[in-house]
C-alpha atoms as a PDB file:
ATOM      1  CA  MET A   1      -4.057   2.440  -7.280  1.00  0.00           C
ATOM      2  CA  GLN A   2      -0.585   1.532  -6.011  1.00  0.00           C
ATOM      3  CA  ARG A   3      -0.489  -1.776  -4.193  1.00  0.00           C
ATOM      4  CA  ALA A   4       0.383  -1.081  -0.609  1.00  0.00           C
ATOM      5  CA  LEU A   5       1.232  -2.771   2.676  1.00  0.00           C
ATOM      6  CA  ILE A   6       0.333  -0.873   5.877  1.00  0.00           C
ATOM      7  CA  VAL A   7       1.776  -2.219   9.096  1.00  0.00           C
ATOM      8  CA  SER A   8       0.351  -0.692  12.246  1.00  0.00           C
ATOM      9  CA  ILE A   9       1.725  -1.210  15.702  1.00  0.00           C
ATOM     10  CA  HIS A  10      -0.906  -0.928  18.418  1.00  0.00           C
ATOM     11  CA  ASP A  11      -0.689  -0.050  22.113  1.00  0.00           C
ATOM     12  CA  VAL A  12       2.383   2.137  21.923  1.00  0.00           C
ATOM     13  CA  ALA A  13       3.268   3.591  25.318  1.00  0.00           C
ATOM     14  CA  PRO A  14       6.170   3.800  27.707  1.00  0.00           C
ATOM     15  CA  ALA A  15       5.238   0.413  29.177  1.00  0.00           C
ATOM     16  CA  THR A  16       5.522  -1.197  25.709  1.00  0.00           C
ATOM     17  CA  GLN A  17       8.335   0.932  24.283  1.00  0.00           C
ATOM     18  CA  GLU A  18      11.135  -1.612  24.491  1.00  0.00           C
ATOM     19  CA  ARG A  19       9.088  -4.282  22.733  1.00  0.00           C
ATOM     20  CA  VAL A  20       7.659  -1.869  20.086  1.00  0.00           C
ATOM     21  CA  ASP A  21      11.197  -0.639  19.367  1.00  0.00           C
ATOM     22  CA  LEU A  22      12.281  -4.227  18.716  1.00  0.00           C
ATOM     23  CA  ILE A  23       9.317  -4.729  16.388  1.00  0.00           C
ATOM     24  CA  VAL A  24      10.232  -1.565  14.513  1.00  0.00           C
ATOM     25  CA  ARG A  25      13.799  -2.807  14.093  1.00  0.00           C
ATOM     26  CA  ARG A  26      12.659  -6.231  12.876  1.00  0.00           C
ATOM     27  CA  LEU A  27      10.283  -4.596  10.389  1.00  0.00           C
ATOM     28  CA  THR A  28      13.188  -2.533   9.063  1.00  0.00           C
ATOM     29  CA  ASP A  29      15.163  -5.765   8.591  1.00  0.00           C
ATOM     30  CA  LEU A  30      12.123  -6.997   6.563  1.00  0.00           C
ATOM     31  CA  HIS A  31      12.364  -3.881   4.373  1.00  0.00           C
ATOM     32  CA  VAL A  32       9.374  -2.197   5.971  1.00  0.00           C
ATOM     33  CA  PRO A  33      10.920   1.158   7.011  1.00  0.00           C
ATOM     34  CA  VAL A  34       7.648   2.896   8.049  1.00  0.00           C
ATOM     35  CA  SER A  35       4.636   2.060  10.133  1.00  0.00           C
ATOM     36  CA  SER A  36       1.652   3.652  11.767  1.00  0.00           C
ATOM     37  CA  LEU A  37       2.263   3.868  15.524  1.00  0.00           C
ATOM     38  CA  LEU A  38      -0.943   3.782  17.510  1.00  0.00           C
ATOM     39  CA  VAL A  39      -0.069   5.761  20.680  1.00  0.00           C
ATOM     40  CA  VAL A  40      -2.110   5.574  23.869  1.00  0.00           C
ATOM     41  CA  PRO A  41      -1.997   8.817  25.922  1.00  0.00           C
ATOM     42  CA  ASP A  42      -2.405   7.155  29.381  1.00  0.00           C
ATOM     43  CA  TYR A  43      -2.086   3.416  28.851  1.00  0.00           C
ATOM     44  CA  HIS A  44      -4.110   1.512  31.474  1.00  0.00           C
ATOM     45  CA  ARG A  45      -3.939   4.623  33.642  1.00  0.00           C
ATOM     46  CA  GLN A  46      -0.189   4.099  34.274  1.00  0.00           C
ATOM     47  CA  GLY A  47       0.541   7.752  33.702  1.00  0.00           C
ATOM     48  CA  GLY A  48       0.766  10.239  30.887  1.00  0.00           C
ATOM     49  CA  SER A  49       2.794   8.707  28.027  1.00  0.00           C
ATOM     50  CA  LEU A  50       4.047  12.051  26.858  1.00  0.00           C
ATOM     51  CA  ASP A  51       5.215  12.969  30.326  1.00  0.00           C
ATOM     52  CA  ASP A  52       7.988  10.458  29.733  1.00  0.00           C
ATOM     53  CA  LEU A  53      10.838  12.443  28.081  1.00  0.00           C
ATOM     54  CA  ALA A  54      12.703   9.363  26.829  1.00  0.00           C
ATOM     55  CA  PHE A  55       9.495   8.090  25.229  1.00  0.00           C
ATOM     56  CA  CYS A  56       8.801  11.418  23.548  1.00  0.00           C
ATOM     57  CA  GLN A  57      12.334  11.618  22.165  1.00  0.00           C
ATOM     58  CA  TRP A  58      12.016   8.037  20.828  1.00  0.00           C
ATOM     59  CA  LEU A  59       8.662   8.843  19.189  1.00  0.00           C
ATOM     60  CA  GLU A  60      10.078  12.012  17.627  1.00  0.00           C
ATOM     61  CA  LYS A  61      12.959  10.079  16.086  1.00  0.00           C
ATOM     62  CA  LEU A  62      10.552   7.547  14.565  1.00  0.00           C
ATOM     63  CA  GLN A  63       8.295  10.320  13.244  1.00  0.00           C
ATOM     64  CA  THR A  64      11.341  12.053  11.680  1.00  0.00           C
ATOM     65  CA  VAL A  65      12.166   8.951   9.598  1.00  0.00           C
ATOM     66  CA  GLY A  66       8.631   8.520   8.365  1.00  0.00           C
ATOM     67  CA  HIS A  67       6.605   6.650  10.925  1.00  0.00           C
ATOM     68  CA  GLU A  68       3.132   8.059  11.589  1.00  0.00           C
ATOM     69  CA  ILE A  69       1.747   8.902  14.980  1.00  0.00           C
ATOM     70  CA  VAL A  70      -1.886   7.910  15.455  1.00  0.00           C
ATOM     71  CA  LEU A  71      -4.118   8.445  18.486  1.00  0.00           C
ATOM     72  CA  HIS A  72      -5.259   5.117  19.942  1.00  0.00           C
ATOM     73  CA  GLY A  73      -7.955   5.626  22.530  1.00  0.00           C
ATOM     74  CA  PHE A  74      -6.973   7.421  25.814  1.00  0.00           C
ATOM     75  CA  HIS A  75      -6.788   4.874  28.622  1.00  0.00           C
ATOM     76  CA  HIS A  76      -7.244   1.819  26.483  1.00  0.00           C
ATOM     77  CA  GLU A  77      -9.531   0.227  29.057  1.00  0.00           C
ATOM     78  CA  ARG A  78     -13.288   0.176  29.680  1.00  0.00           C
ATOM     79  CA  ALA A  79     -14.978  -0.219  33.072  1.00  0.00           C
ATOM     80  CA  ARG A  80     -17.671  -2.826  33.173  1.00  0.00           C
ATOM     81  CA  ARG A  81     -21.227  -1.424  33.274  1.00  0.00           C
ATOM     82  CA  PRO A  82     -24.161  -2.649  35.335  1.00  0.00           C
ATOM     83  CA  ASN A  83     -27.001  -4.377  33.389  1.00  0.00           C
ATOM     84  CA  GLU A  84     -24.865  -5.110  30.325  1.00  0.00           C
ATOM     85  CA  THR A  85     -26.429  -7.271  27.631  1.00  0.00           C
ATOM     86  CA  SER A  86     -24.985 -10.651  26.747  1.00  0.00           C
ATOM     87  CA  ARG A  87     -23.791  -9.119  23.505  1.00  0.00           C
ATOM     88  CA  ASP A  88     -22.032  -6.242  25.302  1.00  0.00           C
ATOM     89  CA  LYS A  89     -20.343  -8.704  27.659  1.00  0.00           C
ATOM     90  CA  PHE A  90     -19.200 -10.948  24.827  1.00  0.00           C
ATOM     91  CA  ILE A  91     -17.711  -8.019  22.802  1.00  0.00           C
ATOM     92  CA  THR A  92     -16.127  -6.099  25.704  1.00  0.00           C
ATOM     93  CA  ARG A  93     -14.931  -8.975  27.927  1.00  0.00           C
ATOM     94  CA  PHE A  94     -14.340 -12.056  25.810  1.00  0.00           C
ATOM     95  CA  TYR A  95     -13.389 -10.419  22.471  1.00  0.00           C
ATOM     96  CA  THR A  96     -11.290  -7.590  23.904  1.00  0.00           C
ATOM     97  CA  ALA A  97     -10.614  -8.201  27.612  1.00  0.00           C
ATOM     98  CA  ASP A  98     -12.097  -4.919  28.889  1.00  0.00           C
ATOM     99  CA  GLU A  99     -10.197  -2.735  26.520  1.00  0.00           C
ATOM    100  CA  GLY A 100     -12.981  -1.470  24.235  1.00  0.00           C
ATOM    101  CA  GLU A 101     -12.788   2.079  25.706  1.00  0.00           C
ATOM    102  CA  PHE A 102     -14.752   3.862  22.935  1.00  0.00           C
ATOM    103  CA  TYR A 103     -17.307   1.174  22.440  1.00  0.00           C
ATOM    104  CA  ASP A 104     -20.169   2.988  24.136  1.00  0.00           C
ATOM    105  CA  LEU A 105     -18.865   6.348  25.328  1.00  0.00           C
ATOM    106  CA  SER A 106     -21.208   9.309  25.185  1.00  0.00           C
ATOM    107  CA  TYR A 107     -20.345  12.152  22.820  1.00  0.00           C
ATOM    108  CA  ASP A 108     -19.342  14.524  25.605  1.00  0.00           C
ATOM    109  CA  VAL A 109     -17.054  12.063  27.374  1.00  0.00           C
ATOM    110  CA  ALA A 110     -15.433  10.999  24.092  1.00  0.00           C
ATOM    111  CA  ARG A 111     -14.979  14.614  22.915  1.00  0.00           C
ATOM    112  CA  THR A 112     -13.352  15.593  26.230  1.00  0.00           C
ATOM    113  CA  LEU A 113     -10.801  12.758  25.975  1.00  0.00           C
ATOM    114  CA  LEU A 114     -10.106  13.402  22.295  1.00  0.00           C
ATOM    115  CA  ASP A 115      -9.551  17.105  22.789  1.00  0.00           C
ATOM    116  CA  ALA A 116      -7.290  16.554  25.725  1.00  0.00           C
ATOM    117  CA  ALA A 117      -5.234  13.994  23.832  1.00  0.00           C
ATOM    118  CA  ARG A 118      -4.975  16.076  20.664  1.00  0.00           C
ATOM    119  CA  HIS A 119      -3.914  19.143  22.633  1.00  0.00           C
ATOM    120  CA  GLU A 120      -1.258  17.155  24.465  1.00  0.00           C
ATOM    121  CA  PHE A 121       0.036  15.595  21.207  1.00  0.00           C
ATOM    122  CA  LEU A 122       0.300  19.059  19.599  1.00  0.00           C
ATOM    123  CA  GLU A 123       2.177  20.438  22.558  1.00  0.00           C
ATOM    124  CA  HIS A 124       4.785  17.786  22.009  1.00  0.00           C
ATOM    125  CA  GLY A 125       5.015  18.261  18.258  1.00  0.00           C
ATOM    126  CA  PHE A 126       2.851  15.231  17.270  1.00  0.00           C
ATOM    127  CA  GLN A 127      -0.052  16.024  14.913  1.00  0.00           C
ATOM    128  CA  ALA A 128      -2.151  12.882  14.791  1.00  0.00           C
ATOM    129  CA  CYS A 129      -4.494  12.943  11.818  1.00  0.00           C
ATOM    130  CA  GLY A 130      -5.948   9.540  12.534  1.00  0.00           C
ATOM    131  CA  PHE A 131      -7.827   8.014  15.443  1.00  0.00           C
ATOM    132  CA  VAL A 132      -8.171   4.270  15.927  1.00  0.00           C
ATOM    133  CA  ALA A 133     -10.341   3.011  18.772  1.00  0.00           C
ATOM    134  CA  PRO A 134      -8.953   0.238  20.950  1.00  0.00           C
ATOM    135  CA  ALA A 135     -10.066  -3.123  19.461  1.00  0.00           C
ATOM    136  CA  TRP A 136     -11.599  -1.057  16.628  1.00  0.00           C
ATOM    137  CA  LEU A 137     -14.709  -0.661  18.797  1.00  0.00           C
ATOM    138  CA  LEU A 138     -16.079   2.828  18.011  1.00  0.00           C
ATOM    139  CA  GLY A 139     -19.663   3.607  18.940  1.00  0.00           C
ATOM    140  CA  GLY A 140     -21.825   6.052  17.094  1.00  0.00           C
ATOM    141  CA  GLU A 141     -21.636   8.848  19.629  1.00  0.00           C
ATOM    142  CA  ALA A 142     -17.925   8.487  19.944  1.00  0.00           C
ATOM    143  CA  GLU A 143     -17.530   8.507  16.178  1.00  0.00           C
ATOM    144  CA  ARG A 144     -19.274  11.817  15.913  1.00  0.00           C
ATOM    145  CA  ALA A 145     -16.882  13.166  18.579  1.00  0.00           C
ATOM    146  CA  VAL A 146     -13.876  11.909  16.551  1.00  0.00           C
ATOM    147  CA  ILE A 147     -15.027  13.715  13.423  1.00  0.00           C
ATOM    148  CA  ASP A 148     -15.886  16.918  15.319  1.00  0.00           C
ATOM    149  CA  ALA A 149     -12.494  16.870  17.092  1.00  0.00           C
ATOM    150  CA  GLY A 150     -10.878  17.166  13.675  1.00  0.00           C
ATOM    151  CA  PHE A 151      -9.494  13.699  13.044  1.00  0.00           C
ATOM    152  CA  THR A 152      -9.467  12.930   9.322  1.00  0.00           C
ATOM    153  CA  TYR A 153      -9.706   9.141   9.300  1.00  0.00           C
ATOM    154  CA  THR A 154     -10.274   6.017  11.338  1.00  0.00           C
ATOM    155  CA  THR A 155      -9.906   2.383  10.724  1.00  0.00           C
ATOM    156  CA  THR A 156     -12.114  -0.577  11.658  1.00  0.00           C
ATOM    157  CA  LEU A 157     -11.220  -4.268  11.503  1.00  0.00           C
ATOM    158  CA  ARG A 158     -12.474  -4.402   7.921  1.00  0.00           C
ATOM    159  CA  LYS A 159     -12.228  -0.872   6.555  1.00  0.00           C
ATOM    160  CA  VAL A 160     -10.279   2.362   6.341  1.00  0.00           C
ATOM    161  CA  ARG A 161     -12.601   5.349   6.527  1.00  0.00           C
ATOM    162  CA  ASP A 162     -11.621   8.750   5.168  1.00  0.00           C
ATOM    163  CA  PHE A 163     -13.825  11.395   6.825  1.00  0.00           C
ATOM    164  CA  VAL A 164     -12.628  14.187   4.606  1.00  0.00           C
ATOM    165  CA  ALA A 165     -13.197  12.460   1.230  1.00  0.00           C
ATOM    166  CA  ARG A 166     -16.180  10.515   2.705  1.00  0.00           C
ATOM    167  CA  GLN A 167     -14.704   7.318   1.288  1.00  0.00           C
ATOM    168  CA  GLU A 168     -14.430   3.824   2.721  1.00  0.00           C
ATOM    169  CA  TYR A 169     -11.809   1.312   1.546  1.00  0.00           C
ATOM    170  CA  SER A 170     -12.375  -2.328   2.234  1.00  0.00           C
ATOM    171  CA  SER A 171      -9.428  -4.192   3.617  1.00  0.00           C
ATOM    172  CA  GLN A 172      -9.699  -6.555   6.552  1.00  0.00           C
ATOM    173  CA  SER A 173      -6.694  -6.391   8.770  1.00  0.00           C
ATOM    174  CA  LEU A 174      -4.514  -9.378   9.646  1.00  0.00           C
ATOM    175  CA  VAL A 175      -4.299  -9.392  13.463  1.00  0.00           C
ATOM    176  CA  TYR A 176      -3.242 -11.978  16.009  1.00  0.00           C
ATOM    177  CA  SER A 177      -4.852 -12.953  19.305  1.00  0.00           C
ATOM    178  CA  VAL A 178      -2.126 -14.488  21.498  1.00  0.00           C
ATOM    179  CA  ARG A 179      -3.813 -14.653  24.965  1.00  0.00           C
ATOM    180  CA  SER A 180      -4.028 -18.422  24.829  1.00  0.00           C
ATOM    181  CA  SER A 181      -2.636 -21.258  22.791  1.00  0.00           C
ATOM    182  CA  TRP A 182      -5.942 -22.005  21.074  1.00  0.00           C
ATOM    183  CA  ARG A 183      -6.287 -18.343  20.106  1.00  0.00           C
ATOM    184  CA  ARG A 184      -2.821 -18.367  18.633  1.00  0.00           C
ATOM    185  CA  GLY A 185      -3.600 -21.488  16.674  1.00  0.00           C
ATOM    186  CA  VAL A 186      -6.808 -20.031  15.282  1.00  0.00           C
ATOM    187  CA  SER A 187      -4.967 -16.770  14.426  1.00  0.00           C
ATOM    188  CA  LEU A 188      -2.252 -18.607  12.468  1.00  0.00           C
ATOM    189  CA  GLY A 189      -4.769 -20.550  10.410  1.00  0.00           C
ATOM    190  CA  TRP A 190      -7.100 -17.602   9.851  1.00  0.00           C
ATOM    191  CA  ASN A 191      -4.365 -15.112   8.826  1.00  0.00           C
ATOM    192  CA  ARG A 192      -2.862 -17.594   6.399  1.00  0.00           C
ATOM    193  CA  TYR A 193      -6.329 -17.954   4.726  1.00  0.00           C
ATOM    194  CA  LEU A 194      -7.039 -14.205   4.933  1.00  0.00           C
ATOM    195  CA  PHE A 195      -3.725 -13.280   3.302  1.00  0.00           C
ATOM    196  CA  SER A 196      -4.532 -15.576   0.393  1.00  0.00           C
ATOM    197  CA  ARG A 197      -8.067 -14.105   0.094  1.00  0.00           C
ATOM    198  CA  LEU A 198      -6.729 -10.529   0.081  1.00  0.00           C
ATOM    199  CA  ARG A 199      -3.890 -11.146  -2.324  1.00  0.00           C
ATOM    200  CA  ASN A 200      -5.549  -9.145  -5.093  1.00  0.00           C
ATOM    201  CA  ASN A 201      -6.632  -6.262  -2.829  1.00  0.00           C
ATOM    202  CA  ASP A 202      -4.839  -3.004  -3.453  1.00  0.00           C
ATOM    203  CA  LEU A 203      -4.372  -2.484   0.297  1.00  0.00           C
ATOM    204  CA  LEU A 204      -3.059  -5.108   2.667  1.00  0.00           C
ATOM    205  CA  ARG A 205      -3.106  -4.321   6.373  1.00  0.00           C
ATOM    206  CA  LEU A 206      -1.153  -5.993   9.148  1.00  0.00           C
ATOM    207  CA  SER A 207      -1.899  -4.964  12.730  1.00  0.00           C
ATOM    208  CA  LEU A 208       0.715  -5.926  15.280  1.00  0.00           C
ATOM    209  CA  HIS A 209       0.642  -5.816  19.092  1.00  0.00           C
ATOM    210  CA  PRO A 210       3.591  -5.871  21.455  1.00  0.00           C
ATOM    211  CA  PRO A 211       2.929  -9.393  22.803  1.00  0.00           C
ATOM    212  CA  ASP A 212       3.099 -10.831  19.242  1.00  0.00           C
ATOM    213  CA  LEU A 213       6.849 -10.748  19.466  1.00  0.00           C
ATOM    214  CA  SER A 214       6.899 -13.265  22.339  1.00  0.00           C
ATOM    215  CA  TYR A 215       5.695 -16.144  20.308  1.00  0.00           C
ATOM    216  CA  PRO A 216       8.140 -17.536  17.683  1.00  0.00           C
ATOM    217  CA  ASP A 217       5.559 -19.262  15.591  1.00  0.00           C
ATOM    218  CA  VAL A 218       3.470 -16.088  15.348  1.00  0.00           C
ATOM    219  CA  TRP A 219       6.455 -13.961  14.455  1.00  0.00           C
ATOM    220  CA  ARG A 220       7.706 -16.474  11.859  1.00  0.00           C
ATOM    221  CA  GLN A 221       4.360 -16.255  10.076  1.00  0.00           C
ATOM    222  CA  ILE A 222       4.411 -12.481  10.274  1.00  0.00           C
ATOM    223  CA  ALA A 223       7.842 -12.349   8.684  1.00  0.00           C
ATOM    224  CA  CYS A 224       6.770 -14.755   5.918  1.00  0.00           C
ATOM    225  CA  LEU A 225       3.624 -12.829   5.141  1.00  0.00           C
ATOM    226  CA  ILE A 226       5.558  -9.553   4.974  1.00  0.00           C
ATOM    227  CA  ALA A 227       8.166 -11.103   2.655  1.00  0.00           C
ATOM    228  CA  ASP A 228       5.397 -12.365   0.318  1.00  0.00           C
ATOM    229  CA  ALA A 229       3.608  -9.018   0.368  1.00  0.00           C
ATOM    230  CA  MET A 230       6.776  -7.044  -0.296  1.00  0.00           C
ATOM    231  CA  ALA A 231       7.215  -8.831  -3.622  1.00  0.00           C
ATOM    232  CA  ASP A 232       4.703  -6.363  -5.216  1.00  0.00           C
ATOM    233  CA  ARG A 233       3.661  -3.897  -2.550  1.00  0.00           C
ATOM    234  CA  THR A 234       5.012  -0.631  -1.168  1.00  0.00           C
ATOM    235  CA  PRO A 235       5.049  -0.153   2.641  1.00  0.00           C
ATOM    236  CA  MET A 236       3.119   2.938   3.639  1.00  0.00           C
ATOM    237  CA  THR A 237       1.526   4.638   6.619  1.00  0.00           C
ATOM    238  CA  TYR A 238      -2.250   5.118   6.738  1.00  0.00           C
ATOM    239  CA  GLN A 239      -1.900   8.870   6.133  1.00  0.00           C
ATOM    240  CA  ALA A 240       0.393   8.403   3.162  1.00  0.00           C
ATOM    241  CA  TRP A 241      -1.901   5.798   1.623  1.00  0.00           C
ATOM    242  CA  LEU A 242      -5.016   7.964   2.034  1.00  0.00           C
ATOM    243  CA  THR A 243      -3.172  10.826   0.376  1.00  0.00           C
ATOM    244  CA  HIS A 244      -2.216   8.536  -2.463  1.00  0.00           C
ATOM    245  CA  ALA A 245      -5.776   7.210  -2.705  1.00  0.00           C
ATOM    246  CA  ALA A 246      -7.220  10.782  -2.854  1.00  0.00           C
ATOM    247  CA  PHE A 247      -4.983  11.698  -5.776  1.00  0.00           C
ATOM    248  CA  THR A 248      -5.822   8.451  -7.579  1.00  0.00           C
ATOM    249  CA  ASP A 249      -9.523   8.993  -7.080  1.00  0.00           C
ATOM    250  CA  THR A 250      -9.194  12.553  -8.387  1.00  0.00           C
ATOM    251  CA  ASP A 251      -7.312  11.320 -11.476  1.00  0.00           C
ATOM    252  CA  GLU A 252      -9.934   8.647 -12.117  1.00  0.00           C
ATOM    253  CA  ILE A 253     -12.729  11.229 -11.954  1.00  0.00           C
ATOM    254  CA  ALA A 254     -10.821  13.556 -14.352  1.00  0.00           C
ATOM    255  CA  ASN A 255     -10.226  10.687 -16.809  1.00  0.00           C
ATOM    256  CA  GLU A 256     -13.888   9.757 -16.677  1.00  0.00           C
ATOM    257  CA  ARG A 257     -14.890  13.375 -17.446  1.00  0.00           C
ATOM    258  CA  ARG A 258     -12.396  13.652 -20.301  1.00  0.00           C
ATOM    259  CA  GLY A 259     -13.757  10.368 -21.739  1.00  0.00           C
ATOM    260  CA  ALA A 260     -17.319  11.653 -21.469  1.00  0.00           C
ATOM    261  CA  GLU A 261     -16.380  14.870 -23.244  1.00  0.00           C
ATOM    262  CA  ILE A 262     -14.617  12.970 -26.076  1.00  0.00           C
ATOM    263  CA  SER A 263     -17.624  10.682 -26.517  1.00  0.00           C
END
């Protein structure tokens, strides 16, 4: 398996375009020419992302040079429910600030959103193979809807899941929480440790959000981790890496069969 670095940029929408574009430029300066762009169709109900012509043209240019378009929820927000358990409140409010949209959606609601988003993407020339739930919170009913809607993979905080090959690849993503100074401090320490722990993993994932760019200490660490990773890794998108992994798995199976026949 080729050692890879996948950088994903979350919450891509017209409201975040300027900051995401700057992140893309900085990644290019760090010799990471491609990324997986997690696009939200109607970010926080501010209006259809793909109704913005300038945004669509910008996305098209990025896709043309190798960046991947991934569906990232629909509204990227979740209304609070009556009678929520303490666990639900912790996950959806403290952990993700009411953005866990697909955490507990019913199959029918999830499927309606997914079909609408996919149709809209295709109309504008964007074929998203992957779906990533906001905050990686994907409930069981919503996951069934993702598969039935034709998406070929998803990611969680700790895994990349290939629905077609029915394979899971373990790789916990490095991600920053910057909503408060104590969260930033914990993120810096945790990601330094996590990077060291994952050094021998074939796949290294780095998940960025637009606000990350606003904190110099966070971006300095991001740049340093990328520089270290690029010493022996190839930058890829999720789709490119899964294609590579599928070929590698096929070769390994063939080699095992040849070895069994020889023995």
